[in-house]
Amino acid sequence: MAVTPSDVKAKLPEFTSLNDSIIQLCLDAAERRVNLCAWGDLADDGILYLTGHLLKLREQGDALAAGPVQSERVLSVNASYAIDSSVAASALGSTAYGRYYLDLRSLVFGARKL
């Protein structure tokens, strides 16, 4: 089954207000990056979450999201963000959708480095 803009809106509701043509552009980009034969039954999930990642990056512009807050100080404003070093090196680690895609990818391809 091919993932559609309606599927994206149903499963990732933060994107319901987006125009279908914008979602389709990101879906097309995600589909080019997910090999259906290699991904098998998880291909649609991979496409869905990679699309969510691409939509989130589009929304953020050039600024990539940081990871979860590891520590924080209010006076003098100091914060640290926790992202595993293997994920931090990848732009996919910059959004929750990208991190979910990475988890799926590790199920498909095992622990080997891609």
N, C-alpha and C. Protein backbone atom coordinates (compact mmCIF):
# COMPACT_ATOMS: atom_id res chain seq x y z
N MET A 1 0.83 -1.18 0.00
CA MET A 1 0.00 0.00 0.00
C MET A 1 0.88 1.24 0.00
N ALA A 2 0.58 2.18 -0.82
CA ALA A 2 1.33 3.43 -0.87
C ALA A 2 0.80 4.39 0.19
N VAL A 3 1.71 5.11 0.83
CA VAL A 3 1.33 6.10 1.84
C VAL A 3 0.83 7.34 1.11
N THR A 4 -0.28 7.89 1.57
CA THR A 4 -0.89 9.06 0.95
C THR A 4 -0.87 10.25 1.92
N PRO A 5 -1.10 11.47 1.41
CA PRO A 5 -1.21 12.61 2.31
C PRO A 5 -2.29 12.40 3.39
N SER A 6 -3.37 11.72 3.04
CA SER A 6 -4.42 11.43 4.03
C SER A 6 -3.90 10.53 5.15
N ASP A 7 -3.05 9.56 4.80
CA ASP A 7 -2.44 8.69 5.81
C ASP A 7 -1.56 9.50 6.75
N VAL A 8 -0.77 10.41 6.17
CA VAL A 8 0.12 11.26 6.98
C VAL A 8 -0.71 12.08 7.95
N LYS A 9 -1.78 12.68 7.47
CA LYS A 9 -2.63 13.52 8.32
C LYS A 9 -3.32 12.70 9.41
N ALA A 10 -3.70 11.47 9.10
CA ALA A 10 -4.37 10.62 10.08
C ALA A 10 -3.42 10.12 11.16
N LYS A 11 -2.20 9.79 10.77
CA LYS A 11 -1.26 9.20 11.73
C LYS A 11 -0.33 10.22 12.38
N LEU A 12 -0.14 11.37 11.73
CA LEU A 12 0.71 12.44 12.27
C LEU A 12 -0.13 13.72 12.29
N PRO A 13 -1.07 13.82 13.23
CA PRO A 13 -2.07 14.88 13.19
C PRO A 13 -1.53 16.31 13.25
N GLU A 14 -0.30 16.51 13.64
CA GLU A 14 0.22 17.87 13.65
C GLU A 14 0.33 18.45 12.24
N PHE A 15 0.22 17.60 11.22
CA PHE A 15 0.33 18.07 9.84
C PHE A 15 -1.02 18.18 9.13
N THR A 16 -2.13 18.09 9.86
CA THR A 16 -3.45 18.11 9.23
C THR A 16 -3.75 19.43 8.52
N SER A 17 -3.14 20.51 8.96
CA SER A 17 -3.43 21.80 8.33
C SER A 17 -2.61 22.05 7.06
N LEU A 18 -1.65 21.17 6.78
CA LEU A 18 -0.82 21.36 5.59
C LEU A 18 -1.56 20.97 4.32
N ASN A 19 -1.22 21.65 3.26
CA ASN A 19 -1.76 21.35 1.94
C ASN A 19 -1.24 19.98 1.49
N ASP A 20 -2.10 19.19 0.87
CA ASP A 20 -1.71 17.85 0.41
C ASP A 20 -0.51 17.88 -0.54
N SER A 21 -0.39 18.94 -1.34
CA SER A 21 0.72 19.00 -2.30
C SER A 21 2.06 19.13 -1.59
N ILE A 22 2.10 19.80 -0.46
CA ILE A 22 3.34 19.92 0.32
C ILE A 22 3.70 18.56 0.93
N ILE A 23 2.68 17.91 1.48
CA ILE A 23 2.90 16.58 2.06
C ILE A 23 3.37 15.62 0.97
N GLN A 24 2.77 15.70 -0.21
CA GLN A 24 3.14 14.80 -1.31
C GLN A 24 4.59 15.00 -1.73
N LEU A 25 5.07 16.24 -1.73
CA LEU A 25 6.49 16.50 -2.06
C LEU A 25 7.41 15.75 -1.10
N CYS A 26 7.09 15.82 0.20
CA CYS A 26 7.92 15.13 1.19
C CYS A 26 7.74 13.61 1.10
N LEU A 27 6.52 13.17 0.80
CA LEU A 27 6.29 11.73 0.60
C LEU A 27 7.12 11.21 -0.56
N ASP A 28 7.14 11.96 -1.66
CA ASP A 28 7.93 11.55 -2.82
C ASP A 28 9.41 11.43 -2.47
N ALA A 29 9.91 12.40 -1.71
CA ALA A 29 11.32 12.36 -1.30
C ALA A 29 11.59 11.16 -0.39
N ALA A 30 10.67 10.88 0.52
CA ALA A 30 10.84 9.74 1.44
C ALA A 30 10.79 8.42 0.67
N GLU A 31 9.87 8.32 -0.29
CA GLU A 31 9.75 7.08 -1.06
C GLU A 31 11.02 6.78 -1.85
N ARG A 32 11.72 7.82 -2.30
CA ARG A 32 12.98 7.60 -3.02
C ARG A 32 14.09 7.10 -2.10
N ARG A 33 13.93 7.26 -0.80
CA ARG A 33 14.96 6.87 0.17
C ARG A 33 14.68 5.55 0.87
N VAL A 34 13.51 4.99 0.68
CA VAL A 34 13.14 3.73 1.33
C VAL A 34 12.98 2.66 0.25
N ASN A 35 13.87 1.68 0.26
CA ASN A 35 13.83 0.58 -0.70
C ASN A 35 12.75 -0.40 -0.27
N LEU A 36 11.70 -0.51 -1.07
CA LEU A 36 10.56 -1.35 -0.71
C LEU A 36 10.93 -2.81 -0.52
N CYS A 37 11.83 -3.32 -1.35
CA CYS A 37 12.24 -4.73 -1.23
C CYS A 37 13.00 -4.95 0.08
N ALA A 38 13.90 -4.05 0.40
CA ALA A 38 14.70 -4.21 1.62
C ALA A 38 13.85 -4.02 2.88
N TRP A 39 12.94 -3.06 2.86
CA TRP A 39 12.15 -2.72 4.03
C TRP A 39 10.97 -3.67 4.24
N GLY A 40 10.50 -4.30 3.19
CA GLY A 40 9.40 -5.26 3.31
C GLY A 40 8.17 -4.65 3.96
N ASP A 41 7.63 -5.35 4.96
CA ASP A 41 6.39 -4.93 5.63
C ASP A 41 6.53 -3.60 6.38
N LEU A 42 7.75 -3.18 6.66
CA LEU A 42 7.96 -1.92 7.39
C LEU A 42 8.15 -0.72 6.47
N ALA A 43 8.06 -0.94 5.16
CA ALA A 43 8.31 0.15 4.20
C ALA A 43 7.36 1.33 4.39
N ASP A 44 6.07 1.06 4.55
CA ASP A 44 5.12 2.16 4.72
C ASP A 44 5.40 2.94 6.00
N ASP A 45 5.76 2.24 7.07
CA ASP A 45 6.11 2.93 8.32
C ASP A 45 7.35 3.79 8.12
N GLY A 46 8.35 3.25 7.44
CA GLY A 46 9.55 4.02 7.17
C GLY A 46 9.26 5.26 6.36
N ILE A 47 8.45 5.12 5.33
CA ILE A 47 8.07 6.26 4.49
C ILE A 47 7.28 7.28 5.30
N LEU A 48 6.35 6.82 6.11
CA LEU A 48 5.54 7.71 6.93
C LEU A 48 6.40 8.57 7.86
N TYR A 49 7.28 7.91 8.62
CA TYR A 49 8.06 8.66 9.61
C TYR A 49 9.18 9.48 8.97
N LEU A 50 9.71 9.03 7.85
CA LEU A 50 10.68 9.86 7.15
C LEU A 50 9.98 11.09 6.57
N THR A 51 8.76 10.92 6.11
CA THR A 51 7.96 12.06 5.64
C THR A 51 7.72 13.04 6.78
N GLY A 52 7.34 12.53 7.94
CA GLY A 52 7.15 13.40 9.11
C GLY A 52 8.42 14.17 9.43
N HIS A 53 9.56 13.50 9.35
CA HIS A 53 10.86 14.15 9.61
C HIS A 53 11.09 15.28 8.60
N LEU A 54 10.87 14.99 7.33
CA LEU A 54 11.09 16.00 6.29
C LEU A 54 10.13 17.18 6.45
N LEU A 55 8.88 16.91 6.81
CA LEU A 55 7.92 17.99 7.04
C LEU A 55 8.33 18.85 8.23
N LYS A 56 8.83 18.20 9.27
CA LYS A 56 9.28 18.93 10.46
C LYS A 56 10.48 19.80 10.13
N LEU A 57 11.42 19.28 9.35
CA LEU A 57 12.58 20.08 8.94
C LEU A 57 12.13 21.28 8.10
N ARG A 58 11.17 21.05 7.23
CA ARG A 58 10.63 22.13 6.40
C ARG A 58 10.03 23.22 7.28
N GLU A 59 9.31 22.80 8.30
CA GLU A 59 8.68 23.72 9.25
C GLU A 59 9.72 24.52 10.03
N GLN A 60 10.83 23.88 10.38
CA GLN A 60 11.87 24.52 11.18
C GLN A 60 12.80 25.39 10.36
N GLY A 61 12.75 25.28 9.06
CA GLY A 61 13.69 26.02 8.24
C GLY A 61 15.07 25.42 8.40
N ASP A 62 16.09 26.25 8.56
CA ASP A 62 17.46 25.76 8.71
C ASP A 62 17.78 25.31 10.12
N ALA A 63 16.96 25.69 11.09
CA ALA A 63 17.25 25.34 12.49
C ALA A 63 16.84 23.91 12.76
N LEU A 64 17.77 23.10 13.21
CA LEU A 64 17.47 21.71 13.56
C LEU A 64 17.09 21.65 15.03
N ALA A 65 16.13 20.80 15.34
CA ALA A 65 15.69 20.66 16.71
C ALA A 65 16.76 19.98 17.55
N ALA A 66 16.88 20.41 18.76
CA ALA A 66 17.80 19.76 19.69
C ALA A 66 17.12 18.52 20.26
N GLY A 67 17.86 17.74 20.99
CA GLY A 67 17.30 16.55 21.61
C GLY A 67 16.61 16.89 22.91
N PRO A 68 16.26 15.88 23.68
CA PRO A 68 15.61 16.12 24.96
C PRO A 68 16.53 16.87 25.91
N VAL A 69 15.96 17.70 26.76
CA VAL A 69 16.76 18.48 27.72
C VAL A 69 17.38 17.52 28.73
N GLN A 70 18.68 17.63 28.91
CA GLN A 70 19.39 16.80 29.88
C GLN A 70 19.59 17.58 31.17
N SER A 71 19.88 18.87 31.08
CA SER A 71 19.99 19.72 32.26
C SER A 71 19.58 21.13 31.87
N GLU A 72 19.22 21.93 32.87
CA GLU A 72 18.71 23.27 32.59
C GLU A 72 18.98 24.16 33.80
N ARG A 73 19.32 25.42 33.55
CA ARG A 73 19.47 26.40 34.61
C ARG A 73 18.71 27.64 34.18
N VAL A 74 17.92 28.21 35.07
CA VAL A 74 17.08 29.33 34.70
C VAL A 74 17.85 30.65 34.74
N LEU A 75 18.48 30.97 35.85
CA LEU A 75 19.27 32.19 35.91
C LEU A 75 20.57 31.96 35.16
N SER A 76 20.95 32.86 34.34
CA SER A 76 22.08 32.76 33.43
C SER A 76 21.77 31.85 32.23
N VAL A 77 20.57 31.38 32.12
CA VAL A 77 20.07 30.55 31.02
C VAL A 77 21.11 29.60 30.47
N ASN A 78 21.12 28.41 30.98
CA ASN A 78 22.05 27.37 30.56
C ASN A 78 21.26 26.09 30.35
N ALA A 79 21.41 25.45 29.21
CA ALA A 79 20.70 24.19 28.94
C ALA A 79 21.60 23.26 28.17
N SER A 80 21.48 21.96 28.42
CA SER A 80 22.19 20.94 27.63
C SER A 80 21.16 19.98 27.09
N TYR A 81 21.46 19.45 25.92
CA TYR A 81 20.53 18.55 25.26
C TYR A 81 21.17 17.19 25.08
N ALA A 82 20.38 16.15 25.29
CA ALA A 82 20.88 14.79 25.25
C ALA A 82 20.45 14.09 23.97
N ILE A 83 21.41 13.81 23.12
CA ILE A 83 21.17 12.96 21.96
C ILE A 83 22.36 12.01 21.89
N ASP A 84 22.07 10.73 21.78
CA ASP A 84 23.11 9.72 21.65
C ASP A 84 24.07 10.12 20.53
N SER A 85 25.36 9.93 20.73
CA SER A 85 26.35 10.40 19.75
C SER A 85 26.17 9.80 18.37
N SER A 86 25.70 8.55 18.29
CA SER A 86 25.48 7.95 16.97
C SER A 86 24.32 8.62 16.25
N VAL A 87 23.34 9.09 17.01
CA VAL A 87 22.19 9.77 16.41
C VAL A 87 22.52 11.23 16.14
N ALA A 88 23.26 11.86 17.03
CA ALA A 88 23.57 13.28 16.89
C ALA A 88 24.30 13.57 15.59
N ALA A 89 25.08 12.62 15.11
CA ALA A 89 25.84 12.83 13.88
C ALA A 89 24.95 12.85 12.66
N SER A 90 23.73 12.45 12.81
CA SER A 90 22.83 12.35 11.68
C SER A 90 21.73 13.40 11.77
N ALA A 91 21.39 14.01 10.67
CA ALA A 91 20.27 14.95 10.65
C ALA A 91 18.97 14.26 11.04
N LEU A 92 18.89 12.95 10.84
CA LEU A 92 17.68 12.22 11.22
C LEU A 92 17.44 12.27 12.73
N GLY A 93 18.49 12.47 13.49
CA GLY A 93 18.34 12.54 14.94
C GLY A 93 17.79 13.86 15.43
N SER A 94 17.55 14.79 14.52
CA SER A 94 17.14 16.13 14.92
C SER A 94 15.63 16.27 15.16
N THR A 95 14.84 15.25 14.79
CA THR A 95 13.40 15.29 15.05
C THR A 95 12.96 13.96 15.64
N ALA A 96 11.85 13.98 16.34
CA ALA A 96 11.31 12.74 16.90
C ALA A 96 10.94 11.76 15.79
N TYR A 97 10.41 12.28 14.68
CA TYR A 97 10.06 11.40 13.56
C TYR A 97 11.30 10.77 12.94
N GLY A 98 12.38 11.53 12.83
CA GLY A 98 13.63 11.00 12.30
C GLY A 98 14.21 9.93 13.21
N ARG A 99 14.10 10.15 14.52
CA ARG A 99 14.61 9.14 15.47
C ARG A 99 13.77 7.86 15.39
N TYR A 100 12.46 8.00 15.20
CA TYR A 100 11.62 6.82 15.05
C TYR A 100 11.98 6.08 13.75
N TYR A 101 12.23 6.84 12.70
CA TYR A 101 12.67 6.24 11.43
C TYR A 101 13.98 5.47 11.64
N LEU A 102 14.91 6.06 12.39
CA LEU A 102 16.18 5.38 12.66
C LEU A 102 15.96 4.07 13.42
N ASP A 103 15.02 4.07 14.37
CA ASP A 103 14.69 2.84 15.10
C ASP A 103 14.16 1.77 14.15
N LEU A 104 13.26 2.18 13.25
CA LEU A 104 12.73 1.24 12.26
C LEU A 104 13.84 0.72 11.36
N ARG A 105 14.70 1.63 10.92
CA ARG A 105 15.80 1.25 10.03
C ARG A 105 16.70 0.23 10.71
N SER A 106 16.92 0.40 12.02
CA SER A 106 17.77 -0.57 12.72
C SER A 106 17.09 -1.94 12.80
N LEU A 107 15.76 -1.97 12.83
CA LEU A 107 15.05 -3.25 12.79
C LEU A 107 15.23 -3.92 11.43
N VAL A 108 15.19 -3.11 10.38
CA VAL A 108 15.30 -3.64 9.02
C VAL A 108 16.72 -4.11 8.71
N PHE A 109 17.70 -3.29 9.08
CA PHE A 109 19.09 -3.56 8.70
C PHE A 109 19.98 -4.02 9.84
N GLY A 110 19.44 -4.22 11.01
CA GLY A 110 20.24 -4.65 12.15
C GLY A 110 21.11 -3.53 12.67
N ALA A 111 22.10 -3.90 13.43
CA ALA A 111 22.95 -2.92 14.10
C ALA A 111 24.09 -2.38 13.23
N ARG A 112 24.22 -2.86 12.01
CA ARG A 112 25.32 -2.39 11.18
C ARG A 112 25.18 -0.90 10.87
N LYS A 113 26.28 -0.26 10.68
CA LYS A 113 26.28 1.17 10.37
C LYS A 113 25.97 1.37 8.90
N LEU A 114 25.01 2.28 8.62
CA LEU A 114 24.61 2.54 7.23
C LEU A 114 25.29 3.77 6.71
